[in-house]
């Protein structure tokens, strides 16, 4: 059975590979941004994020690690909004 970290690593590798394969371009980024709360969170340096992701088994470069971290920051913001606001 895979650990949570291994599962996350496989998931992130799949996202990065699919993005590279299909060269996905999102249209209407402003449309998407309106759903992301503007909660300030502390971000880790890109070099540290890359080291952590590589240690978890993700075979990615620095640019890809920044994209993965932006995705994770969005998930964190949405989670914080869900649990800590009265909307």
PDB file of N, CA and C in Angstrom:
ATOM      1  N   UNK A   1       0.846  -1.184   0.000  1.00  0.00           N
ATOM      2  CA  UNK A   1       0.000   0.000   0.000  1.00  0.00           C
ATOM      3  C   UNK A   1       0.890   1.245   0.000  1.00  0.00           C
ATOM      4  N   UNK A   2       0.527   2.219  -0.809  1.00  0.00           N
ATOM      5  CA  UNK A   2       1.315   3.442  -0.929  1.00  0.00           C
ATOM      6  C   UNK A   2       1.051   4.367   0.251  1.00  0.00           C
ATOM      7  N   UNK A   3       2.097   5.033   0.689  1.00  0.00           N
ATOM      8  CA  UNK A   3       1.917   6.042   1.731  1.00  0.00           C
ATOM      9  C   UNK A   3       1.303   7.287   1.103  1.00  0.00           C
ATOM     10  N   UNK A   4       0.823   8.186   1.937  1.00  0.00           N
ATOM     11  CA  UNK A   4       0.234   9.427   1.432  1.00  0.00           C
ATOM     12  C   UNK A   4       1.245  10.218   0.621  1.00  0.00           C
ATOM     13  N   UNK A   5       2.486  10.266   1.082  1.00  0.00           N
ATOM     14  CA  UNK A   5       3.524  11.018   0.377  1.00  0.00           C
ATOM     15  C   UNK A   5       3.821  10.395  -0.981  1.00  0.00           C
ATOM     16  N   UNK A   6       3.851   9.073  -1.049  1.00  0.00           N
ATOM     17  CA  UNK A   6       4.086   8.407  -2.325  1.00  0.00           C
ATOM     18  C   UNK A   6       2.923   8.645  -3.282  1.00  0.00           C
ATOM     19  N   UNK A   7       1.708   8.608  -2.763  1.00  0.00           N
ATOM     20  CA  UNK A   7       0.534   8.859  -3.595  1.00  0.00           C
ATOM     21  C   UNK A   7       0.559  10.273  -4.147  1.00  0.00           C
ATOM     22  N   UNK A   8       0.895  11.250  -3.290  1.00  0.00           N
ATOM     23  CA  UNK A   8       0.988  12.640  -3.732  1.00  0.00           C
ATOM     24  C   UNK A   8       2.070  12.783  -4.792  1.00  0.00           C
ATOM     25  N   UNK A   9       3.193  12.126  -4.589  1.00  0.00           N
ATOM     26  CA  UNK A   9       4.287  12.188  -5.548  1.00  0.00           C
ATOM     27  C   UNK A   9       3.857  11.652  -6.913  1.00  0.00           C
ATOM     28  N   UNK A  10       3.178  10.513  -6.917  1.00  0.00           N
ATOM     29  CA  UNK A  10       2.695   9.946  -8.177  1.00  0.00           C
ATOM     30  C   UNK A  10       1.694  10.869  -8.849  1.00  0.00           C
ATOM     31  N   UNK A  11       0.793  11.444  -8.062  1.00  0.00           N
ATOM     32  CA  UNK A  11      -0.208  12.364  -8.587  1.00  0.00           C
ATOM     33  C   UNK A  11       0.442  13.588  -9.220  1.00  0.00           C
ATOM     34  N   UNK A  12       1.407  14.193  -8.513  1.00  0.00           N
ATOM     35  CA  UNK A  12       2.074  15.391  -9.022  1.00  0.00           C
ATOM     36  C   UNK A  12       2.884  15.081 -10.274  1.00  0.00           C
ATOM     37  N   UNK A  13       3.559  13.932 -10.296  1.00  0.00           N
ATOM     38  CA  UNK A  13       4.303  13.540 -11.499  1.00  0.00           C
ATOM     39  C   UNK A  13       3.368  13.380 -12.694  1.00  0.00           C
ATOM     40  N   UNK A  14       2.188  12.797 -12.456  1.00  0.00           N
ATOM     41  CA  UNK A  14       1.220  12.618 -13.533  1.00  0.00           C
ATOM     42  C   UNK A  14       0.748  13.969 -14.066  1.00  0.00           C
ATOM     43  N   UNK A  15       0.472  14.919 -13.170  1.00  0.00           N
ATOM     44  CA  UNK A  15       0.033  16.253 -13.593  1.00  0.00           C
ATOM     45  C   UNK A  15       1.107  16.916 -14.450  1.00  0.00           C
ATOM     46  N   UNK A  16       2.349  16.864 -13.988  1.00  0.00           N
ATOM     47  CA  UNK A  16       3.446  17.514 -14.708  1.00  0.00           C
ATOM     48  C   UNK A  16       3.643  16.853 -16.072  1.00  0.00           C
ATOM     49  N   UNK A  17       3.591  15.522 -16.130  1.00  0.00           N
ATOM     50  CA  UNK A  17       3.780  14.833 -17.400  1.00  0.00           C
ATOM     51  C   UNK A  17       2.649  15.156 -18.367  1.00  0.00           C
ATOM     52  N   UNK A  18       1.404  15.174 -17.878  1.00  0.00           N
ATOM     53  CA  UNK A  18       0.284  15.487 -18.755  1.00  0.00           C
ATOM     54  C   UNK A  18       0.364  16.921 -19.254  1.00  0.00           C
ATOM     55  N   UNK A  19       0.776  17.846 -18.385  1.00  0.00           N
ATOM     56  CA  UNK A  19       0.883  19.239 -18.786  1.00  0.00           C
ATOM     57  C   UNK A  19       1.942  19.391 -19.871  1.00  0.00           C
ATOM     58  N   UNK A  20       3.096  18.730 -19.683  1.00  0.00           N
ATOM     59  CA  UNK A  20       4.153  18.810 -20.691  1.00  0.00           C
ATOM     60  C   UNK A  20       3.713  18.169 -21.995  1.00  0.00           C
ATOM     61  N   UNK A  21       3.002  17.057 -21.904  1.00  0.00           N
ATOM     62  CA  UNK A  21       2.580  16.333 -23.096  1.00  0.00           C
ATOM     63  C   UNK A  21       1.563  17.139 -23.905  1.00  0.00           C
ATOM     64  N   UNK A  22       0.629  17.739 -23.224  1.00  0.00           N
ATOM     65  CA  UNK A  22      -0.464  18.426 -23.900  1.00  0.00           C
ATOM     66  C   UNK A  22      -0.264  19.929 -24.023  1.00  0.00           C
ATOM     67  N   UNK A  23       0.729  20.469 -23.343  1.00  0.00           N
ATOM     68  CA  UNK A  23       0.967  21.918 -23.329  1.00  0.00           C
ATOM     69  C   UNK A  23      -0.338  22.673 -23.063  1.00  0.00           C
ATOM     70  N   UNK A  24      -0.938  22.335 -21.941  1.00  0.00           N
ATOM     71  CA  UNK A  24      -2.239  22.896 -21.564  1.00  0.00           C
ATOM     72  C   UNK A  24      -2.109  24.396 -21.323  1.00  0.00           C
ATOM     73  N   UNK A  25      -3.006  25.146 -21.912  1.00  0.00           N
ATOM     74  CA  UNK A  25      -3.102  26.587 -21.675  1.00  0.00           C
ATOM     75  C   UNK A  25      -4.501  26.863 -21.148  1.00  0.00           C
ATOM     76  N   UNK A  26      -4.560  27.496 -19.993  1.00  0.00           N
ATOM     77  CA  UNK A  26      -5.854  27.809 -19.415  1.00  0.00           C
ATOM     78  C   UNK A  26      -6.326  29.157 -19.925  1.00  0.00           C
ATOM     79  N   UNK A  27      -7.569  29.201 -20.378  1.00  0.00           N
ATOM     80  CA  UNK A  27      -8.159  30.445 -20.824  1.00  0.00           C
ATOM     81  C   UNK A  27      -8.982  31.010 -19.686  1.00  0.00           C
ATOM     82  N   UNK A  28      -9.052  32.310 -19.627  1.00  0.00           N
ATOM     83  CA  UNK A  28      -9.875  32.940 -18.606  1.00  0.00           C
ATOM     84  C   UNK A  28      -9.316  32.811 -17.208  1.00  0.00           C
ATOM     85  N   UNK A  29      -8.011  33.044 -17.057  1.00  0.00           N
ATOM     86  CA  UNK A  29      -7.387  32.919 -15.736  1.00  0.00           C
ATOM     87  C   UNK A  29      -8.049  33.850 -14.722  1.00  0.00           C
ATOM     88  N   UNK A  30      -8.488  35.036 -15.169  1.00  0.00           N
ATOM     89  CA  UNK A  30      -9.178  35.953 -14.264  1.00  0.00           C
ATOM     90  C   UNK A  30     -10.473  35.327 -13.768  1.00  0.00           C
ATOM     91  N   UNK A  31     -11.119  34.585 -14.635  1.00  0.00           N
ATOM     92  CA  UNK A  31     -12.358  33.890 -14.266  1.00  0.00           C
ATOM     93  C   UNK A  31     -12.082  32.874 -13.156  1.00  0.00           C
ATOM     94  N   UNK A  32     -10.983  32.167 -13.254  1.00  0.00           N
ATOM     95  CA  UNK A  32     -10.617  31.173 -12.247  1.00  0.00           C
ATOM     96  C   UNK A  32     -10.182  31.859 -10.957  1.00  0.00           C
ATOM     97  N   UNK A  33      -9.415  32.945 -11.061  1.00  0.00           N
ATOM     98  CA  UNK A  33      -8.881  33.624  -9.885  1.00  0.00           C
ATOM     99  C   UNK A  33      -9.957  34.156  -8.953  1.00  0.00           C
ATOM    100  N   UNK A  34     -11.131  34.444  -9.475  1.00  0.00           N
ATOM    101  CA  UNK A  34     -12.171  34.995  -8.610  1.00  0.00           C
ATOM    102  C   UNK A  34     -12.645  33.982  -7.572  1.00  0.00           C
ATOM    103  N   UNK A  35     -12.361  32.711  -7.772  1.00  0.00           N
ATOM    104  CA  UNK A  35     -12.753  31.674  -6.819  1.00  0.00           C
ATOM    105  C   UNK A  35     -11.668  31.376  -5.783  1.00  0.00           C
ATOM    106  N   UNK A  36     -10.489  31.909  -5.996  1.00  0.00           N
ATOM    107  CA  UNK A  36      -9.377  31.663  -5.076  1.00  0.00           C
ATOM    108  C   UNK A  36      -9.340  32.783  -4.042  1.00  0.00           C
ATOM    109  N   UNK A  37      -9.488  32.451  -2.765  1.00  0.00           N
ATOM    110  CA  UNK A  37      -9.501  33.497  -1.735  1.00  0.00           C
ATOM    111  C   UNK A  37      -8.162  34.217  -1.640  1.00  0.00           C
ATOM    112  N   UNK A  38      -8.207  35.460  -1.222  1.00  0.00           N
ATOM    113  CA  UNK A  38      -6.979  36.255  -1.099  1.00  0.00           C
ATOM    114  C   UNK A  38      -6.448  36.184   0.327  1.00  0.00           C
ATOM    115  N   UNK A  39      -6.208  34.988   0.791  1.00  0.00           N
ATOM    116  CA  UNK A  39      -5.655  34.750   2.122  1.00  0.00           C
ATOM    117  C   UNK A  39      -4.136  34.770   2.001  1.00  0.00           C
ATOM    118  N   UNK A  40      -3.488  35.541   2.858  1.00  0.00           N
ATOM    119  CA  UNK A  40      -2.028  35.596   2.839  1.00  0.00           C
ATOM    120  C   UNK A  40      -1.467  34.376   3.555  1.00  0.00           C
ATOM    121  N   UNK A  41      -0.618  33.625   2.870  1.00  0.00           N
ATOM    122  CA  UNK A  41       0.042  32.485   3.488  1.00  0.00           C
ATOM    123  C   UNK A  41       1.544  32.602   3.251  1.00  0.00           C
ATOM    124  N   UNK A  42       2.304  32.041   4.172  1.00  0.00           N
ATOM    125  CA  UNK A  42       3.756  32.061   4.049  1.00  0.00           C
ATOM    126  C   UNK A  42       4.175  31.016   3.009  1.00  0.00           C
ATOM    127  N   UNK A  43       4.977  31.444   2.055  1.00  0.00           N
ATOM    128  CA  UNK A  43       5.444  30.535   1.014  1.00  0.00           C
ATOM    129  C   UNK A  43       6.882  30.144   1.285  1.00  0.00           C
ATOM    130  N   UNK A  44       7.213  28.919   0.907  1.00  0.00           N
ATOM    131  CA  UNK A  44       8.587  28.464   1.083  1.00  0.00           C
ATOM    132  C   UNK A  44       9.390  28.819  -0.173  1.00  0.00           C
ATOM    133  N   UNK A  45      10.699  28.989  -0.034  1.00  0.00           N
ATOM    134  CA  UNK A  45      11.530  29.321  -1.198  1.00  0.00           C
ATOM    135  C   UNK A  45      11.463  28.218  -2.262  1.00  0.00           C
ATOM    136  N   UNK A  46      11.512  28.604  -3.540  1.00  0.00           N
ATOM    137  CA  UNK A  46      11.425  27.605  -4.621  1.00  0.00           C
ATOM    138  C   UNK A  46      12.494  26.513  -4.533  1.00  0.00           C
ATOM    139  N   UNK A  47      13.697  26.871  -4.083  1.00  0.00           N
ATOM    140  CA  UNK A  47      14.775  25.882  -3.980  1.00  0.00           C
ATOM    141  C   UNK A  47      14.424  24.810  -2.953  1.00  0.00           C
ATOM    142  N   UNK A  48      13.841  25.241  -1.845  1.00  0.00           N
ATOM    143  CA  UNK A  48      13.453  24.286  -0.797  1.00  0.00           C
ATOM    144  C   UNK A  48      12.287  23.413  -1.277  1.00  0.00           C
ATOM    145  N   UNK A  49      11.336  24.025  -1.978  1.00  0.00           N
ATOM    146  CA  UNK A  49      10.207  23.265  -2.518  1.00  0.00           C
ATOM    147  C   UNK A  49      10.711  22.189  -3.477  1.00  0.00           C
ATOM    148  N   UNK A  50      11.657  22.556  -4.342  1.00  0.00           N
ATOM    149  CA  UNK A  50      12.221  21.595  -5.286  1.00  0.00           C
ATOM    150  C   UNK A  50      12.900  20.450  -4.545  1.00  0.00           C
ATOM    151  N   UNK A  51      13.660  20.767  -3.513  1.00  0.00           N
ATOM    152  CA  UNK A  51      14.351  19.732  -2.734  1.00  0.00           C
ATOM    153  C   UNK A  51      13.347  18.787  -2.067  1.00  0.00           C
ATOM    154  N   UNK A  52      12.281  19.343  -1.504  1.00  0.00           N
ATOM    155  CA  UNK A  52      11.264  18.526  -0.840  1.00  0.00           C
ATOM    156  C   UNK A  52      10.560  17.621  -1.849  1.00  0.00           C
ATOM    157  N   UNK A  53      10.192  18.179  -2.996  1.00  0.00           N
ATOM    158  CA  UNK A  53       9.502  17.388  -4.006  1.00  0.00           C
ATOM    159  C   UNK A  53      10.399  16.295  -4.584  1.00  0.00           C
ATOM    160  N   UNK A  54      11.673  16.606  -4.794  1.00  0.00           N
ATOM    161  CA  UNK A  54      12.602  15.587  -5.293  1.00  0.00           C
ATOM    162  C   UNK A  54      12.792  14.480  -4.269  1.00  0.00           C
ATOM    163  N   UNK A  55      12.872  14.853  -2.983  1.00  0.00           N
ATOM    164  CA  UNK A  55      13.017  13.868  -1.918  1.00  0.00           C
ATOM    165  C   UNK A  55      11.793  12.958  -1.862  1.00  0.00           C
ATOM    166  N   UNK A  56      10.620  13.503  -2.215  1.00  0.00           N
ATOM    167  CA  UNK A  56       9.379  12.720  -2.226  1.00  0.00           C
ATOM    168  C   UNK A  56       9.265  11.853  -3.479  1.00  0.00           C
ATOM    169  N   UNK A  57      10.219  11.985  -4.401  1.00  0.00           N
ATOM    170  CA  UNK A  57      10.218  11.129  -5.588  1.00  0.00           C
ATOM    171  C   UNK A  57       9.728  11.788  -6.862  1.00  0.00           C
ATOM    172  N   UNK A  58       9.492  13.089  -6.844  1.00  0.00           N
ATOM    173  CA  UNK A  58       9.055  13.799  -8.049  1.00  0.00           C
ATOM    174  C   UNK A  58      10.268  14.121  -8.899  1.00  0.00           C
ATOM    175  N   UNK A  59      10.253  13.699 -10.141  1.00  0.00           N
ATOM    176  CA  UNK A  59      11.353  13.965 -11.058  1.00  0.00           C
ATOM    177  C   UNK A  59      10.993  15.195 -11.891  1.00  0.00           C
ATOM    178  N   UNK A  60      11.218  16.390 -11.317  1.00  0.00           N
ATOM    179  CA  UNK A  60      10.800  17.631 -11.953  1.00  0.00           C
ATOM    180  C   UNK A  60      11.905  18.672 -11.868  1.00  0.00           C
ATOM    181  N   UNK A  61      11.784  19.725 -12.688  1.00  0.00           N
ATOM    182  CA  UNK A  61      12.755  20.814 -12.635  1.00  0.00           C
ATOM    183  C   UNK A  61      12.193  21.959 -11.795  1.00  0.00           C
ATOM    184  N   UNK A  62      12.950  23.044 -11.682  1.00  0.00           N
ATOM    185  CA  UNK A  62      12.558  24.150 -10.811  1.00  0.00           C
ATOM    186  C   UNK A  62      11.263  24.827 -11.273  1.00  0.00           C
ATOM    187  N   UNK A  63      11.112  25.018 -12.574  1.00  0.00           N
ATOM    188  CA  UNK A  63       9.895  25.652 -13.093  1.00  0.00           C
ATOM    189  C   UNK A  63       8.660  24.809 -12.770  1.00  0.00           C
ATOM    190  N   UNK A  64       8.783  23.506 -12.953  1.00  0.00           N
ATOM    191  CA  UNK A  64       7.667  22.611 -12.652  1.00  0.00           C
ATOM    192  C   UNK A  64       7.358  22.593 -11.156  1.00  0.00           C
ATOM    193  N   UNK A  65       8.396  22.666 -10.329  1.00  0.00           N
ATOM    194  CA  UNK A  65       8.153  22.663  -8.880  1.00  0.00           C
ATOM    195  C   UNK A  65       7.418  23.935  -8.459  1.00  0.00           C
ATOM    196  N   UNK A  66       7.716  25.057  -9.110  1.00  0.00           N
ATOM    197  CA  UNK A  66       7.003  26.298  -8.809  1.00  0.00           C
ATOM    198  C   UNK A  66       5.524  26.177  -9.175  1.00  0.00           C
ATOM    199  N   UNK A  67       5.226  25.527 -10.301  1.00  0.00           N
ATOM    200  CA  UNK A  67       3.839  25.325 -10.714  1.00  0.00           C
ATOM    201  C   UNK A  67       3.110  24.406  -9.742  1.00  0.00           C
ATOM    202  N   UNK A  68       3.787  23.345  -9.309  1.00  0.00           N
ATOM    203  CA  UNK A  68       3.196  22.424  -8.337  1.00  0.00           C
ATOM    204  C   UNK A  68       2.907  23.155  -7.038  1.00  0.00           C
ATOM    205  N   UNK A  69       3.854  23.988  -6.590  1.00  0.00           N
ATOM    206  CA  UNK A  69       3.657  24.710  -5.337  1.00  0.00           C
ATOM    207  C   UNK A  69       2.525  25.721  -5.455  1.00  0.00           C
ATOM    208  N   UNK A  70       2.385  26.384  -6.588  1.00  0.00           N
ATOM    209  CA  UNK A  70       1.267  27.316  -6.776  1.00  0.00           C
ATOM    210  C   UNK A  70      -0.060  26.570  -6.672  1.00  0.00           C
ATOM    211  N   UNK A  71      -0.105  25.376  -7.251  1.00  0.00           N
ATOM    212  CA  UNK A  71      -1.305  24.544  -7.147  1.00  0.00           C
ATOM    213  C   UNK A  71      -1.582  24.192  -5.679  1.00  0.00           C
ATOM    214  N   UNK A  72      -0.548  23.794  -4.958  1.00  0.00           N
ATOM    215  CA  UNK A  72      -0.724  23.440  -3.544  1.00  0.00           C
ATOM    216  C   UNK A  72      -1.140  24.650  -2.708  1.00  0.00           C
ATOM    217  N   UNK A  73      -0.600  25.830  -3.016  1.00  0.00           N
ATOM    218  CA  UNK A  73      -1.010  27.039  -2.291  1.00  0.00           C
ATOM    219  C   UNK A  73      -2.494  27.329  -2.517  1.00  0.00           C
ATOM    220  N   UNK A  74      -2.968  27.099  -3.730  1.00  0.00           N
ATOM    221  CA  UNK A  74      -4.394  27.299  -4.018  1.00  0.00           C
ATOM    222  C   UNK A  74      -5.232  26.328  -3.187  1.00  0.00           C
ATOM    223  N   UNK A  75      -4.802  25.071  -3.121  1.00  0.00           N
ATOM    224  CA  UNK A  75      -5.521  24.075  -2.327  1.00  0.00           C
ATOM    225  C   UNK A  75      -5.547  24.488  -0.853  1.00  0.00           C
ATOM    226  N   UNK A  76      -4.431  24.982  -0.347  1.00  0.00           N
ATOM    227  CA  UNK A  76      -4.369  25.434   1.051  1.00  0.00           C
ATOM    228  C   UNK A  76      -5.331  26.592   1.281  1.00  0.00           C
ATOM    229  N   UNK A  77      -5.325  27.562   0.377  1.00  0.00           N
ATOM    230  CA  UNK A  77      -6.218  28.717   0.526  1.00  0.00           C
ATOM    231  C   UNK A  77      -7.684  28.304   0.509  1.00  0.00           C
ATOM    232  N   UNK A  78      -8.035  27.415  -0.401  1.00  0.00           N
ATOM    233  CA  UNK A  78      -9.415  26.947  -0.478  1.00  0.00           C
ATOM    234  C   UNK A  78      -9.811  26.175   0.784  1.00  0.00           C
ATOM    235  N   UNK A  79      -8.877  25.393   1.306  1.00  0.00           N
ATOM    236  CA  UNK A  79      -9.141  24.637   2.530  1.00  0.00           C
ATOM    237  C   UNK A  79      -9.318  25.571   3.720  1.00  0.00           C
ATOM    238  N   UNK A  80      -8.445  26.562   3.836  1.00  0.00           N
ATOM    239  CA  UNK A  80      -8.567  27.530   4.923  1.00  0.00           C
ATOM    240  C   UNK A  80      -9.889  28.276   4.845  1.00  0.00           C
ATOM    241  N   UNK A  81     -10.267  28.655   3.631  1.00  0.00           N
ATOM    242  CA  UNK A  81     -11.538  29.357   3.462  1.00  0.00           C
ATOM    243  C   UNK A  81     -12.698  28.473   3.890  1.00  0.00           C
ATOM    244  N   UNK A  82     -12.655  27.225   3.488  1.00  0.00           N
ATOM    245  CA  UNK A  82     -13.737  26.292   3.798  1.00  0.00           C
ATOM    246  C   UNK A  82     -13.918  26.105   5.306  1.00  0.00           C
ATOM    247  N   UNK A  83     -12.808  25.990   6.033  1.00  0.00           N
ATOM    248  CA  UNK A  83     -12.896  25.670   7.456  1.00  0.00           C
ATOM    249  C   UNK A  83     -12.920  26.863   8.385  1.00  0.00           C
ATOM    250  N   UNK A  84     -12.435  28.019   7.934  1.00  0.00           N
ATOM    251  CA  UNK A  84     -12.280  29.140   8.859  1.00  0.00           C
ATOM    252  C   UNK A  84     -13.043  30.398   8.494  1.00  0.00           C
ATOM    253  N   UNK A  85     -13.929  30.328   7.518  1.00  0.00           N
ATOM    254  CA  UNK A  85     -14.769  31.498   7.218  1.00  0.00           C
ATOM    255  C   UNK A  85     -16.231  31.100   7.360  1.00  0.00           C
ATOM    256  N   UNK A  86     -17.055  32.097   7.543  1.00  0.00           N
ATOM    257  CA  UNK A  86     -18.489  31.835   7.749  1.00  0.00           C
ATOM    258  C   UNK A  86     -19.305  32.058   6.491  1.00  0.00           C
ATOM    259  N   UNK A  87     -18.652  32.112   5.329  1.00  0.00           N
ATOM    260  CA  UNK A  87     -19.370  32.348   4.063  1.00  0.00           C
ATOM    261  C   UNK A  87     -20.394  31.285   3.823  1.00  0.00           C
TER     262      UNK A  87
END
